[in-house]
């Protein structure tokens, strides 16, 4: 989530330490394809909860870090990452490869 938030400090010693730098007139596209389960998507050594993802999106919206955002998650039960959680007023179009069940 540090990459999406533009948090260079957190990533200073990680990989390329590149973060997304965008503003209120930019369009952001987020794509994820891997494993999922109800309420989370999985990484090799960690997982991301639906609440952490949506907190990040809300942070980005409140801080004018995009104009419009499209997210696509291709994972089992990926619909659970947004269903009844994603706010309607954040200019985010979220689509998933599976429903929440």
PDB file of N, CA and C in Angstrom:
ATOM      1  N   UNK A   1       0.815  -1.184   0.000  1.00  0.00           N
ATOM      2  CA  UNK A   1       0.000   0.000   0.000  1.00  0.00           C
ATOM      3  C   UNK A   1       0.864   1.255   0.000  1.00  0.00           C
ATOM      4  N   UNK A   2       2.095   1.111   0.452  1.00  0.00           N
ATOM      5  CA  UNK A   2       3.013   2.256   0.455  1.00  0.00           C
ATOM      6  C   UNK A   2       3.259   2.772  -0.960  1.00  0.00           C
ATOM      7  N   UNK A   3       3.299   1.872  -1.940  1.00  0.00           N
ATOM      8  CA  UNK A   3       3.500   2.290  -3.334  1.00  0.00           C
ATOM      9  C   UNK A   3       2.334   3.165  -3.778  1.00  0.00           C
ATOM     10  N   UNK A   4       1.114   2.732  -3.498  1.00  0.00           N
ATOM     11  CA  UNK A   4      -0.066   3.500  -3.902  1.00  0.00           C
ATOM     12  C   UNK A   4      -0.155   4.833  -3.175  1.00  0.00           C
ATOM     13  N   UNK A   5       0.220   4.850  -1.908  1.00  0.00           N
ATOM     14  CA  UNK A   5       0.157   6.077  -1.117  1.00  0.00           C
ATOM     15  C   UNK A   5       1.294   7.045  -1.428  1.00  0.00           C
ATOM     16  N   UNK A   6       2.277   6.600  -2.206  1.00  0.00           N
ATOM     17  CA  UNK A   6       3.420   7.462  -2.506  1.00  0.00           C
ATOM     18  C   UNK A   6       4.373   7.601  -1.334  1.00  0.00           C
ATOM     19  N   UNK A   7       4.408   6.600  -0.462  1.00  0.00           N
ATOM     20  CA  UNK A   7       5.195   6.638   0.773  1.00  0.00           C
ATOM     21  C   UNK A   7       6.641   6.204   0.521  1.00  0.00           C
ATOM     22  N   UNK A   8       7.477   7.146   0.140  1.00  0.00           N
ATOM     23  CA  UNK A   8       8.876   6.854  -0.175  1.00  0.00           C
ATOM     24  C   UNK A   8       9.677   6.417   1.050  1.00  0.00           C
ATOM     25  N   UNK A   9       9.353   6.946   2.230  1.00  0.00           N
ATOM     26  CA  UNK A   9      10.090   6.582   3.447  1.00  0.00           C
ATOM     27  C   UNK A   9       9.983   5.093   3.742  1.00  0.00           C
ATOM     28  N   UNK A  10       8.776   4.559   3.666  1.00  0.00           N
ATOM     29  CA  UNK A  10       8.565   3.147   3.968  1.00  0.00           C
ATOM     30  C   UNK A  10       9.338   2.255   3.009  1.00  0.00           C
ATOM     31  N   UNK A  11       9.488   2.688   1.775  1.00  0.00           N
ATOM     32  CA  UNK A  11      10.124   1.858   0.755  1.00  0.00           C
ATOM     33  C   UNK A  11      11.566   2.257   0.445  1.00  0.00           C
ATOM     34  N   UNK A  12      12.161   3.078   1.281  1.00  0.00           N
ATOM     35  CA  UNK A  12      13.510   3.590   1.010  1.00  0.00           C
ATOM     36  C   UNK A  12      14.533   2.484   0.762  1.00  0.00           C
ATOM     37  N   UNK A  13      14.442   1.385   1.468  1.00  0.00           N
ATOM     38  CA  UNK A  13      15.417   0.295   1.329  1.00  0.00           C
ATOM     39  C   UNK A  13      14.806  -0.967   0.729  1.00  0.00           C
ATOM     40  N   UNK A  14      13.711  -0.806  -0.010  1.00  0.00           N
ATOM     41  CA  UNK A  14      13.012  -1.954  -0.584  1.00  0.00           C
ATOM     42  C   UNK A  14      13.022  -1.854  -2.105  1.00  0.00           C
ATOM     43  N   UNK A  15      13.588  -2.836  -2.763  1.00  0.00           N
ATOM     44  CA  UNK A  15      13.582  -2.873  -4.227  1.00  0.00           C
ATOM     45  C   UNK A  15      14.060  -1.578  -4.844  1.00  0.00           C
ATOM     46  N   UNK A  16      13.316  -1.101  -5.828  1.00  0.00           N
ATOM     47  CA  UNK A  16      13.682   0.146  -6.509  1.00  0.00           C
ATOM     48  C   UNK A  16      13.254   1.370  -5.708  1.00  0.00           C
ATOM     49  N   UNK A  17      12.449   1.176  -4.695  1.00  0.00           N
ATOM     50  CA  UNK A  17      11.874   2.221  -3.830  1.00  0.00           C
ATOM     51  C   UNK A  17      10.997   3.212  -4.606  1.00  0.00           C
ATOM     52  N   UNK A  18      10.577   2.837  -5.805  1.00  0.00           N
ATOM     53  CA  UNK A  18       9.699   3.711  -6.592  1.00  0.00           C
ATOM     54  C   UNK A  18       8.282   3.669  -6.032  1.00  0.00           C
ATOM     55  N   UNK A  19       7.644   4.817  -6.038  1.00  0.00           N
ATOM     56  CA  UNK A  19       6.256   4.922  -5.605  1.00  0.00           C
ATOM     57  C   UNK A  19       5.461   5.672  -6.666  1.00  0.00           C
ATOM     58  N   UNK A  20       4.151   5.589  -6.565  1.00  0.00           N
ATOM     59  CA  UNK A  20       3.271   6.266  -7.500  1.00  0.00           C
ATOM     60  C   UNK A  20       3.189   7.731  -7.102  1.00  0.00           C
ATOM     61  N   UNK A  21       3.424   8.583  -8.061  1.00  0.00           N
ATOM     62  CA  UNK A  21       3.328  10.029  -7.830  1.00  0.00           C
ATOM     63  C   UNK A  21       2.308  10.577  -8.813  1.00  0.00           C
ATOM     64  N   UNK A  22       1.107  10.780  -8.326  1.00  0.00           N
ATOM     65  CA  UNK A  22       0.057  11.291  -9.198  1.00  0.00           C
ATOM     66  C   UNK A  22      -0.763  12.312  -8.436  1.00  0.00           C
ATOM     67  N   UNK A  23      -1.563  13.039  -9.182  1.00  0.00           N
ATOM     68  CA  UNK A  23      -2.372  14.085  -8.582  1.00  0.00           C
ATOM     69  C   UNK A  23      -3.831  13.970  -8.964  1.00  0.00           C
ATOM     70  N   UNK A  24      -4.576  14.981  -8.647  1.00  0.00           N
ATOM     71  CA  UNK A  24      -6.030  14.945  -8.792  1.00  0.00           C
ATOM     72  C   UNK A  24      -6.521  14.874 -10.233  1.00  0.00           C
ATOM     73  N   UNK A  25      -5.672  15.118 -11.203  1.00  0.00           N
ATOM     74  CA  UNK A  25      -6.105  15.026 -12.600  1.00  0.00           C
ATOM     75  C   UNK A  25      -5.634  13.734 -13.271  1.00  0.00           C
ATOM     76  N   UNK A  26      -4.979  12.857 -12.527  1.00  0.00           N
ATOM     77  CA  UNK A  26      -4.457  11.611 -13.091  1.00  0.00           C
ATOM     78  C   UNK A  26      -5.440  10.459 -12.954  1.00  0.00           C
ATOM     79  N   UNK A  27      -5.317   9.522 -13.881  1.00  0.00           N
ATOM     80  CA  UNK A  27      -6.092   8.289 -13.826  1.00  0.00           C
ATOM     81  C   UNK A  27      -5.152   7.181 -13.381  1.00  0.00           C
ATOM     82  N   UNK A  28      -5.569   6.396 -12.399  1.00  0.00           N
ATOM     83  CA  UNK A  28      -4.741   5.330 -11.833  1.00  0.00           C
ATOM     84  C   UNK A  28      -5.399   3.989 -12.132  1.00  0.00           C
ATOM     85  N   UNK A  29      -4.592   3.039 -12.586  1.00  0.00           N
ATOM     86  CA  UNK A  29      -5.064   1.678 -12.851  1.00  0.00           C
ATOM     87  C   UNK A  29      -4.305   0.723 -11.945  1.00  0.00           C
ATOM     88  N   UNK A  30      -5.035  -0.106 -11.200  1.00  0.00           N
ATOM     89  CA  UNK A  30      -4.433  -1.088 -10.296  1.00  0.00           C
ATOM     90  C   UNK A  30      -4.899  -2.466 -10.738  1.00  0.00           C
ATOM     91  N   UNK A  31      -3.947  -3.358 -10.972  1.00  0.00           N
ATOM     92  CA  UNK A  31      -4.254  -4.720 -11.415  1.00  0.00           C
ATOM     93  C   UNK A  31      -3.570  -5.706 -10.486  1.00  0.00           C
ATOM     94  N   UNK A  32      -4.306  -6.727 -10.081  1.00  0.00           N
ATOM     95  CA  UNK A  32      -3.748  -7.785  -9.246  1.00  0.00           C
ATOM     96  C   UNK A  32      -4.263  -9.115  -9.752  1.00  0.00           C
ATOM     97  N   UNK A  33      -3.368 -10.074  -9.913  1.00  0.00           N
ATOM     98  CA  UNK A  33      -3.761 -11.434 -10.293  1.00  0.00           C
ATOM     99  C   UNK A  33      -2.952 -12.414  -9.461  1.00  0.00           C
ATOM    100  N   UNK A  34      -3.629 -13.177  -8.639  1.00  0.00           N
ATOM    101  CA  UNK A  34      -2.990 -14.225  -7.844  1.00  0.00           C
ATOM    102  C   UNK A  34      -4.067 -14.899  -7.014  1.00  0.00           C
ATOM    103  N   UNK A  35      -3.746 -15.259  -5.799  1.00  0.00           N
ATOM    104  CA  UNK A  35      -4.667 -16.007  -4.950  1.00  0.00           C
ATOM    105  C   UNK A  35      -5.503 -15.082  -4.081  1.00  0.00           C
ATOM    106  N   UNK A  36      -6.715 -15.537  -3.790  1.00  0.00           N
ATOM    107  CA  UNK A  36      -7.586 -14.776  -2.914  1.00  0.00           C
ATOM    108  C   UNK A  36      -8.445 -15.696  -2.075  1.00  0.00           C
ATOM    109  N   UNK A  37      -9.089 -15.126  -1.101  1.00  0.00           N
ATOM    110  CA  UNK A  37     -10.032 -15.815  -0.223  1.00  0.00           C
ATOM    111  C   UNK A  37     -11.001 -14.738   0.263  1.00  0.00           C
ATOM    112  N   UNK A  38     -12.093 -15.115   0.908  1.00  0.00           N
ATOM    113  CA  UNK A  38     -13.020 -14.084   1.366  1.00  0.00           C
ATOM    114  C   UNK A  38     -12.322 -13.031   2.229  1.00  0.00           C
ATOM    115  N   UNK A  39     -12.362 -11.785   1.763  1.00  0.00           N
ATOM    116  CA  UNK A  39     -11.818 -10.680   2.532  1.00  0.00           C
ATOM    117  C   UNK A  39     -10.330 -10.442   2.419  1.00  0.00           C
ATOM    118  N   UNK A  40      -9.643 -11.172   1.507  1.00  0.00           N
ATOM    119  CA  UNK A  40      -8.205 -10.938   1.375  1.00  0.00           C
ATOM    120  C   UNK A  40      -7.686 -11.386   0.024  1.00  0.00           C
ATOM    121  N   UNK A  41      -6.548 -10.807  -0.349  1.00  0.00           N
ATOM    122  CA  UNK A  41      -5.774 -11.305  -1.479  1.00  0.00           C
ATOM    123  C   UNK A  41      -4.393 -11.643  -0.941  1.00  0.00           C
ATOM    124  N   UNK A  42      -3.780 -12.666  -1.533  1.00  0.00           N
ATOM    125  CA  UNK A  42      -2.550 -13.217  -0.970  1.00  0.00           C
ATOM    126  C   UNK A  42      -1.325 -12.878  -1.800  1.00  0.00           C
ATOM    127  N   UNK A  43      -0.257 -12.600  -1.102  1.00  0.00           N
ATOM    128  CA  UNK A  43       1.066 -12.397  -1.678  1.00  0.00           C
ATOM    129  C   UNK A  43       1.947 -13.543  -1.186  1.00  0.00           C
ATOM    130  N   UNK A  44       3.120 -13.741  -1.772  1.00  0.00           N
ATOM    131  CA  UNK A  44       3.955 -14.870  -1.358  1.00  0.00           C
ATOM    132  C   UNK A  44       4.232 -14.939   0.146  1.00  0.00           C
ATOM    133  N   UNK A  45       4.426 -13.798   0.785  1.00  0.00           N
ATOM    134  CA  UNK A  45       4.756 -13.828   2.208  1.00  0.00           C
ATOM    135  C   UNK A  45       3.847 -12.951   3.060  1.00  0.00           C
ATOM    136  N   UNK A  46       2.722 -12.531   2.503  1.00  0.00           N
ATOM    137  CA  UNK A  46       1.834 -11.634   3.237  1.00  0.00           C
ATOM    138  C   UNK A  46       0.454 -11.697   2.607  1.00  0.00           C
ATOM    139  N   UNK A  47      -0.481 -10.988   3.187  1.00  0.00           N
ATOM    140  CA  UNK A  47      -1.813 -10.877   2.606  1.00  0.00           C
ATOM    141  C   UNK A  47      -2.321  -9.456   2.805  1.00  0.00           C
ATOM    142  N   UNK A  48      -3.312  -9.100   1.991  1.00  0.00           N
ATOM    143  CA  UNK A  48      -3.916  -7.776   2.055  1.00  0.00           C
ATOM    144  C   UNK A  48      -5.401  -7.947   2.333  1.00  0.00           C
ATOM    145  N   UNK A  49      -5.883  -7.312   3.395  1.00  0.00           N
ATOM    146  CA  UNK A  49      -7.300  -7.421   3.744  1.00  0.00           C
ATOM    147  C   UNK A  49      -8.120  -6.397   2.970  1.00  0.00           C
ATOM    148  N   UNK A  50      -9.406  -6.667   2.885  1.00  0.00           N
ATOM    149  CA  UNK A  50     -10.293  -5.737   2.200  1.00  0.00           C
ATOM    150  C   UNK A  50     -10.313  -4.389   2.905  1.00  0.00           C
ATOM    151  N   UNK A  51     -10.206  -4.378   4.215  1.00  0.00           N
ATOM    152  CA  UNK A  51     -10.219  -3.114   4.947  1.00  0.00           C
ATOM    153  C   UNK A  51      -8.954  -2.304   4.682  1.00  0.00           C
ATOM    154  N   UNK A  52      -7.794  -2.959   4.641  1.00  0.00           N
ATOM    155  CA  UNK A  52      -6.547  -2.242   4.352  1.00  0.00           C
ATOM    156  C   UNK A  52      -6.563  -1.658   2.943  1.00  0.00           C
ATOM    157  N   UNK A  53      -7.069  -2.416   1.980  1.00  0.00           N
ATOM    158  CA  UNK A  53      -7.157  -1.907   0.612  1.00  0.00           C
ATOM    159  C   UNK A  53      -8.074  -0.694   0.549  1.00  0.00           C
ATOM    160  N   UNK A  54      -9.228  -0.786   1.159  1.00  0.00           N
ATOM    161  CA  UNK A  54     -10.185   0.315   1.103  1.00  0.00           C
ATOM    162  C   UNK A  54      -9.732   1.519   1.919  1.00  0.00           C
ATOM    163  N   UNK A  55      -8.997   1.309   3.008  1.00  0.00           N
ATOM    164  CA  UNK A  55      -8.403   2.429   3.742  1.00  0.00           C
ATOM    165  C   UNK A  55      -7.406   3.172   2.853  1.00  0.00           C
ATOM    166  N   UNK A  56      -6.636   2.413   2.083  1.00  0.00           N
ATOM    167  CA  UNK A  56      -5.663   3.024   1.177  1.00  0.00           C
ATOM    168  C   UNK A  56      -6.370   3.827   0.095  1.00  0.00           C
ATOM    169  N   UNK A  57      -7.415   3.263  -0.493  1.00  0.00           N
ATOM    170  CA  UNK A  57      -8.175   3.985  -1.517  1.00  0.00           C
ATOM    171  C   UNK A  57      -8.764   5.266  -0.932  1.00  0.00           C
ATOM    172  N   UNK A  58      -9.334   5.186   0.258  1.00  0.00           N
ATOM    173  CA  UNK A  58      -9.907   6.376   0.893  1.00  0.00           C
ATOM    174  C   UNK A  58      -8.833   7.419   1.187  1.00  0.00           C
ATOM    175  N   UNK A  59      -7.667   6.982   1.637  1.00  0.00           N
ATOM    176  CA  UNK A  59      -6.543   7.894   1.882  1.00  0.00           C
ATOM    177  C   UNK A  59      -6.160   8.608   0.591  1.00  0.00           C
ATOM    178  N   UNK A  60      -6.046   7.842  -0.481  1.00  0.00           N
ATOM    179  CA  UNK A  60      -5.679   8.416  -1.775  1.00  0.00           C
ATOM    180  C   UNK A  60      -6.724   9.428  -2.234  1.00  0.00           C
ATOM    181  N   UNK A  61      -7.996   9.109  -2.063  1.00  0.00           N
ATOM    182  CA  UNK A  61      -9.074  10.011  -2.464  1.00  0.00           C
ATOM    183  C   UNK A  61      -9.033  11.300  -1.646  1.00  0.00           C
ATOM    184  N   UNK A  62      -8.927  11.158  -0.328  1.00  0.00           N
ATOM    185  CA  UNK A  62      -8.919  12.320   0.560  1.00  0.00           C
ATOM    186  C   UNK A  62      -7.715  13.229   0.318  1.00  0.00           C
ATOM    187  N   UNK A  63      -6.619  12.659  -0.188  1.00  0.00           N
ATOM    188  CA  UNK A  63      -5.402  13.431  -0.430  1.00  0.00           C
ATOM    189  C   UNK A  63      -5.209  13.790  -1.901  1.00  0.00           C
ATOM    190  N   UNK A  64      -6.297  13.691  -2.680  1.00  0.00           N
ATOM    191  CA  UNK A  64      -6.288  14.078  -4.103  1.00  0.00           C
ATOM    192  C   UNK A  64      -5.155  13.415  -4.884  1.00  0.00           C
ATOM    193  N   UNK A  65      -4.988  12.112  -4.692  1.00  0.00           N
ATOM    194  CA  UNK A  65      -3.900  11.385  -5.339  1.00  0.00           C
ATOM    195  C   UNK A  65      -4.325  10.741  -6.655  1.00  0.00           C
ATOM    196  N   UNK A  66      -5.547  11.011  -7.090  1.00  0.00           N
ATOM    197  CA  UNK A  66      -6.034  10.560  -8.392  1.00  0.00           C
ATOM    198  C   UNK A  66      -7.313  11.316  -8.722  1.00  0.00           C
ATOM    199  N   UNK A  67      -7.631  11.351 -10.012  1.00  0.00           N
ATOM    200  CA  UNK A  67      -8.906  11.893 -10.445  1.00  0.00           C
ATOM    201  C   UNK A  67      -9.924  10.777 -10.579  1.00  0.00           C
ATOM    202  N   UNK A  68      -9.481   9.705 -11.227  1.00  0.00           N
ATOM    203  CA  UNK A  68     -10.289   8.498 -11.387  1.00  0.00           C
ATOM    204  C   UNK A  68      -9.376   7.299 -11.203  1.00  0.00           C
ATOM    205  N   UNK A  69      -9.951   6.221 -10.673  1.00  0.00           N
ATOM    206  CA  UNK A  69      -9.180   4.998 -10.477  1.00  0.00           C
ATOM    207  C   UNK A  69      -9.979   3.800 -10.975  1.00  0.00           C
ATOM    208  N   UNK A  70      -9.282   2.891 -11.631  1.00  0.00           N
ATOM    209  CA  UNK A  70      -9.858   1.612 -12.032  1.00  0.00           C
ATOM    210  C   UNK A  70      -9.038   0.527 -11.357  1.00  0.00           C
ATOM    211  N   UNK A  71      -9.716  -0.398 -10.702  1.00  0.00           N
ATOM    212  CA  UNK A  71      -9.020  -1.540 -10.107  1.00  0.00           C
ATOM    213  C   UNK A  71      -9.591  -2.815 -10.706  1.00  0.00           C
ATOM    214  N   UNK A  72      -8.717  -3.755 -10.980  1.00  0.00           N
ATOM    215  CA  UNK A  72      -9.139  -5.069 -11.458  1.00  0.00           C
ATOM    216  C   UNK A  72      -8.405  -6.106 -10.635  1.00  0.00           C
ATOM    217  N   UNK A  73      -9.163  -6.956  -9.962  1.00  0.00           N
ATOM    218  CA  UNK A  73      -8.568  -8.015  -9.154  1.00  0.00           C
ATOM    219  C   UNK A  73      -9.025  -9.350  -9.710  1.00  0.00           C
ATOM    220  N   UNK A  74      -8.059 -10.154 -10.101  1.00  0.00           N
ATOM    221  CA  UNK A  74      -8.308 -11.487 -10.636  1.00  0.00           C
ATOM    222  C   UNK A  74      -7.834 -12.503  -9.601  1.00  0.00           C
ATOM    223  N   UNK A  75      -8.776 -12.914  -8.738  1.00  0.00           N
ATOM    224  CA  UNK A  75      -8.468 -13.861  -7.669  1.00  0.00           C
ATOM    225  C   UNK A  75      -9.772 -14.479  -7.179  1.00  0.00           C
ATOM    226  N   UNK A  76      -9.683 -15.645  -6.583  1.00  0.00           N
ATOM    227  CA  UNK A  76     -10.859 -16.289  -6.007  1.00  0.00           C
ATOM    228  C   UNK A  76     -11.485 -15.372  -4.959  1.00  0.00           C
ATOM    229  N   UNK A  77     -12.808 -15.325  -4.926  1.00  0.00           N
ATOM    230  CA  UNK A  77     -13.572 -14.495  -3.988  1.00  0.00           C
ATOM    231  C   UNK A  77     -13.165 -13.018  -3.998  1.00  0.00           C
ATOM    232  N   UNK A  78     -12.624 -12.548  -5.114  1.00  0.00           N
ATOM    233  CA  UNK A  78     -12.118 -11.171  -5.181  1.00  0.00           C
ATOM    234  C   UNK A  78     -13.205 -10.114  -5.011  1.00  0.00           C
ATOM    235  N   UNK A  79     -14.444 -10.463  -5.277  1.00  0.00           N
ATOM    236  CA  UNK A  79     -15.527  -9.511  -5.070  1.00  0.00           C
ATOM    237  C   UNK A  79     -15.640  -9.052  -3.628  1.00  0.00           C
ATOM    238  N   UNK A  80     -15.158  -9.879  -2.704  1.00  0.00           N
ATOM    239  CA  UNK A  80     -15.224  -9.524  -1.285  1.00  0.00           C
ATOM    240  C   UNK A  80     -14.308  -8.362  -0.923  1.00  0.00           C
ATOM    241  N   UNK A  81     -13.400  -8.001  -1.805  1.00  0.00           N
ATOM    242  CA  UNK A  81     -12.494  -6.883  -1.520  1.00  0.00           C
ATOM    243  C   UNK A  81     -13.211  -5.535  -1.579  1.00  0.00           C
ATOM    244  N   UNK A  82     -14.374  -5.493  -2.241  1.00  0.00           N
ATOM    245  CA  UNK A  82     -15.085  -4.224  -2.409  1.00  0.00           C
ATOM    246  C   UNK A  82     -16.551  -4.276  -1.991  1.00  0.00           C
ATOM    247  N   UNK A  83     -17.164  -5.428  -2.013  1.00  0.00           N
ATOM    248  CA  UNK A  83     -18.599  -5.548  -1.769  1.00  0.00           C
ATOM    249  C   UNK A  83     -18.994  -4.968  -0.412  1.00  0.00           C
ATOM    250  N   UNK A  84     -19.899  -4.000  -0.437  1.00  0.00           N
ATOM    251  CA  UNK A  84     -20.407  -3.325   0.760  1.00  0.00           C
ATOM    252  C   UNK A  84     -19.319  -2.590   1.547  1.00  0.00           C
ATOM    253  N   UNK A  85     -18.180  -2.303   0.908  1.00  0.00           N
ATOM    254  CA  UNK A  85     -17.080  -1.607   1.584  1.00  0.00           C
ATOM    255  C   UNK A  85     -16.677  -0.355   0.818  1.00  0.00           C
ATOM    256  N   UNK A  86     -16.504  -0.484  -0.493  1.00  0.00           N
ATOM    257  CA  UNK A  86     -16.041   0.635  -1.315  1.00  0.00           C
ATOM    258  C   UNK A  86     -17.077   1.756  -1.303  1.00  0.00           C
ATOM    259  N   UNK A  87     -16.634   2.952  -0.963  1.00  0.00           N
ATOM    260  CA  UNK A  87     -17.538   4.099  -0.925  1.00  0.00           C
ATOM    261  C   UNK A  87     -17.920   4.518  -2.342  1.00  0.00           C
ATOM    262  N   UNK A  88     -19.144   4.981  -2.520  1.00  0.00           N
ATOM    263  CA  UNK A  88     -19.653   5.355  -3.844  1.00  0.00           C
ATOM    264  C   UNK A  88     -19.097   6.670  -4.367  1.00  0.00           C
ATOM    265  N   UNK A  89     -18.580   7.516  -3.510  1.00  0.00           N
ATOM    266  CA  UNK A  89     -18.185   8.864  -3.924  1.00  0.00           C
ATOM    267  C   UNK A  89     -16.682   9.025  -4.146  1.00  0.00           C
ATOM    268  N   UNK A  90     -15.939   7.943  -4.367  1.00  0.00           N
ATOM    269  CA  UNK A  90     -14.479   8.036  -4.462  1.00  0.00           C
ATOM    270  C   UNK A  90     -13.946   7.978  -5.890  1.00  0.00           C
ATOM    271  N   UNK A  91     -14.812   8.003  -6.891  1.00  0.00           N
ATOM    272  CA  UNK A  91     -14.392   7.944  -8.300  1.00  0.00           C
ATOM    273  C   UNK A  91     -13.559   6.702  -8.603  1.00  0.00           C
ATOM    274  N   UNK A  92     -13.963   5.576  -8.028  1.00  0.00           N
ATOM    275  CA  UNK A  92     -13.271   4.304  -8.263  1.00  0.00           C
ATOM    276  C   UNK A  92     -14.224   3.353  -8.963  1.00  0.00           C
ATOM    277  N   UNK A  93     -13.751   2.780 -10.064  1.00  0.00           N
ATOM    278  CA  UNK A  93     -14.469   1.711 -10.742  1.00  0.00           C
ATOM    279  C   UNK A  93     -13.716   0.431 -10.421  1.00  0.00           C
ATOM    280  N   UNK A  94     -14.347  -0.449  -9.667  1.00  0.00           N
ATOM    281  CA  UNK A  94     -13.702  -1.695  -9.261  1.00  0.00           C
ATOM    282  C   UNK A  94     -14.397  -2.859  -9.943  1.00  0.00           C
ATOM    283  N   UNK A  95     -13.613  -3.713 -10.562  1.00  0.00           N
ATOM    284  CA  UNK A  95     -14.153  -4.922 -11.166  1.00  0.00           C
ATOM    285  C   UNK A  95     -13.298  -6.101 -10.723  1.00  0.00           C
ATOM    286  N   UNK A  96     -13.945  -7.234 -10.595  1.00  0.00           N
ATOM    287  CA  UNK A  96     -13.253  -8.421 -10.099  1.00  0.00           C
ATOM    288  C   UNK A  96     -13.606  -9.626 -10.952  1.00  0.00           C
ATOM    289  N   UNK A  97     -12.774 -10.644 -10.872  1.00  0.00           N
ATOM    290  CA  UNK A  97     -12.975 -11.849 -11.661  1.00  0.00           C
ATOM    291  C   UNK A  97     -13.955 -12.820 -11.011  1.00  0.00           C
ATOM    292  N   UNK A  98     -14.281 -12.588  -9.761  1.00  0.00           N
ATOM    293  CA  UNK A  98     -15.160 -13.514  -9.045  1.00  0.00           C
ATOM    294  C   UNK A  98     -16.032 -12.729  -8.069  1.00  0.00           C
ATOM    295  N   UNK A  99     -17.133 -13.343  -7.674  1.00  0.00           N
ATOM    296  CA  UNK A  99     -17.960 -12.689  -6.663  1.00  0.00           C
ATOM    297  C   UNK A  99     -17.333 -12.901  -5.282  1.00  0.00           C
ATOM    298  N   UNK A 100     -18.040 -12.527  -4.256  1.00  0.00           N
ATOM    299  CA  UNK A 100     -17.465 -12.575  -2.914  1.00  0.00           C
ATOM    300  C   UNK A 100     -17.569 -13.941  -2.246  1.00  0.00           C
ATOM    301  N   UNK A 101     -18.229 -14.870  -2.881  1.00  0.00           N
ATOM    302  CA  UNK A 101     -18.437 -16.186  -2.245  1.00  0.00           C
ATOM    303  C   UNK A 101     -17.635 -17.274  -2.913  1.00  0.00           C
TER     304      UNK A 101
END
